C-alpha atoms as a PDB file:
ATOM      1  CA  UNK A   1     -21.488  17.200  17.968  1.00  0.00           C
ATOM      2  CA  UNK A   2     -22.364  17.158  14.286  1.00  0.00           C
ATOM      3  CA  UNK A   3     -18.862  17.989  13.092  1.00  0.00           C
ATOM      4  CA  UNK A   4     -17.139  15.480  10.859  1.00  0.00           C
ATOM      5  CA  UNK A   5     -13.666  14.483  11.964  1.00  0.00           C
ATOM      6  CA  UNK A   6     -11.099  12.914   9.673  1.00  0.00           C
ATOM      7  CA  UNK A   7      -9.587   9.984  11.558  1.00  0.00           C
ATOM      8  CA  UNK A   8      -7.184   9.311   8.698  1.00  0.00           C
ATOM      9  CA  UNK A   9      -8.813   5.969   7.887  1.00  0.00           C
ATOM     10  CA  UNK A  10      -9.607   5.184   4.276  1.00  0.00           C
ATOM     11  CA  UNK A  11     -13.175   3.807   4.330  1.00  0.00           C
ATOM     12  CA  UNK A  12     -12.462   1.789   1.163  1.00  0.00           C
ATOM     13  CA  UNK A  13      -9.327   0.087   2.513  1.00  0.00           C
ATOM     14  CA  UNK A  14      -9.872  -3.164   4.403  1.00  0.00           C
ATOM     15  CA  UNK A  15      -8.877  -3.111   8.061  1.00  0.00           C
ATOM     16  CA  UNK A  16      -6.083  -5.237   9.504  1.00  0.00           C
ATOM     17  CA  UNK A  17      -5.242  -5.540  13.174  1.00  0.00           C
ATOM     18  CA  UNK A  18      -1.721  -5.156  14.558  1.00  0.00           C
ATOM     19  CA  UNK A  19      -0.927  -6.710  17.915  1.00  0.00           C
ATOM     20  CA  UNK A  20       2.181  -7.634  19.860  1.00  0.00           C
ATOM     21  CA  UNK A  21       3.005 -11.326  20.280  1.00  0.00           C
ATOM     22  CA  UNK A  22       5.589 -12.807  22.627  1.00  0.00           C
ATOM     23  CA  UNK A  23       8.087 -14.996  20.803  1.00  0.00           C
ATOM     24  CA  UNK A  24       7.678 -17.643  23.501  1.00  0.00           C
ATOM     25  CA  UNK A  25       3.975 -17.955  22.553  1.00  0.00           C
ATOM     26  CA  UNK A  26       4.777 -18.860  18.935  1.00  0.00           C
ATOM     27  CA  UNK A  27       4.912 -22.461  17.727  1.00  0.00           C
ATOM     28  CA  UNK A  28       8.439 -23.964  17.780  1.00  0.00           C
ATOM     29  CA  UNK A  29       8.624 -24.143  13.978  1.00  0.00           C
ATOM     30  CA  UNK A  30       8.035 -20.383  13.778  1.00  0.00           C
ATOM     31  CA  UNK A  31      10.153 -19.526  16.814  1.00  0.00           C
ATOM     32  CA  UNK A  32      13.252 -21.080  15.225  1.00  0.00           C
ATOM     33  CA  UNK A  33      13.158 -18.417  12.480  1.00  0.00           C
ATOM     34  CA  UNK A  34      13.095 -15.482  14.917  1.00  0.00           C
ATOM     35  CA  UNK A  35      16.382 -13.654  15.326  1.00  0.00           C
ATOM     36  CA  UNK A  36      18.113 -13.833  18.672  1.00  0.00           C
ATOM     37  CA  UNK A  37      17.479 -10.985  21.049  1.00  0.00           C
ATOM     38  CA  UNK A  38      13.831 -10.533  20.082  1.00  0.00           C
ATOM     39  CA  UNK A  39      11.267 -11.281  22.765  1.00  0.00           C
ATOM     40  CA  UNK A  40       8.276  -9.676  21.030  1.00  0.00           C
ATOM     41  CA  UNK A  41       7.037  -9.524  17.430  1.00  0.00           C
ATOM     42  CA  UNK A  42       4.049  -7.787  15.878  1.00  0.00           C
ATOM     43  CA  UNK A  43       1.378  -9.771  14.089  1.00  0.00           C
ATOM     44  CA  UNK A  44      -0.855  -8.416  11.347  1.00  0.00           C
ATOM     45  CA  UNK A  45      -4.280 -10.107  11.234  1.00  0.00           C
ATOM     46  CA  UNK A  46      -7.228  -9.727   8.878  1.00  0.00           C
ATOM     47  CA  UNK A  47     -10.771  -9.156  10.154  1.00  0.00           C
ATOM     48  CA  UNK A  48     -11.331 -12.917  10.423  1.00  0.00           C
ATOM     49  CA  UNK A  49      -8.285 -13.338  12.670  1.00  0.00           C
ATOM     50  CA  UNK A  50      -6.072 -14.950  10.031  1.00  0.00           C
ATOM     51  CA  UNK A  51      -2.430 -14.040  10.627  1.00  0.00           C
ATOM     52  CA  UNK A  52      -1.049 -12.343   7.534  1.00  0.00           C
ATOM     53  CA  UNK A  53       2.435 -11.396   8.729  1.00  0.00           C
ATOM     54  CA  UNK A  54       4.876 -11.343  11.630  1.00  0.00           C
ATOM     55  CA  UNK A  55       7.337  -8.461  11.775  1.00  0.00           C
ATOM     56  CA  UNK A  56       9.974  -7.164  14.176  1.00  0.00           C
ATOM     57  CA  UNK A  57       8.356  -3.867  15.213  1.00  0.00           C
ATOM     58  CA  UNK A  58       5.078  -1.972  15.289  1.00  0.00           C
ATOM     59  CA  UNK A  59       6.177   0.745  12.886  1.00  0.00           C
ATOM     60  CA  UNK A  60       7.084  -1.876  10.282  1.00  0.00           C
ATOM     61  CA  UNK A  61       3.723  -3.635  10.758  1.00  0.00           C
ATOM     62  CA  UNK A  62       1.842  -0.394  10.051  1.00  0.00           C
ATOM     63  CA  UNK A  63       4.028   0.427   7.050  1.00  0.00           C
ATOM     64  CA  UNK A  64       3.576  -3.075   5.637  1.00  0.00           C
ATOM     65  CA  UNK A  65      -0.206  -2.855   5.986  1.00  0.00           C
ATOM     66  CA  UNK A  66      -0.377   0.545   4.293  1.00  0.00           C
ATOM     67  CA  UNK A  67       1.897  -0.571   1.447  1.00  0.00           C
ATOM     68  CA  UNK A  68      -0.638  -3.299   0.704  1.00  0.00           C
ATOM     69  CA  UNK A  69      -3.610  -0.910   0.825  1.00  0.00           C
ATOM     70  CA  UNK A  70      -4.879  -1.975   4.240  1.00  0.00           C
ATOM     71  CA  UNK A  71      -5.868   0.282   7.108  1.00  0.00           C
ATOM     72  CA  UNK A  72      -3.951  -0.855  10.220  1.00  0.00           C
ATOM     73  CA  UNK A  73      -5.574  -0.680  13.653  1.00  0.00           C
ATOM     74  CA  UNK A  74      -3.719  -1.266  16.912  1.00  0.00           C
ATOM     75  CA  UNK A  75      -4.997  -4.059  19.177  1.00  0.00           C
ATOM     76  CA  UNK A  76      -3.792  -4.355  22.781  1.00  0.00           C
END
């Protein structure tokens, strides 16, 4: 039980949370910018809950976070 395990998380990089959001739950002024055919987006939030980005898929959300030196964490 005293073995260190590398979880692949950079302890120096700030954490952001990635969670799915239904398009129908977005405000109308945001919803009008969403492409047709999308029913779900992925939001990237900082530790205080401030939304930093909305993107089309989970993979893109994680890539975006890492490109900006954040450590993304999935939220259900």
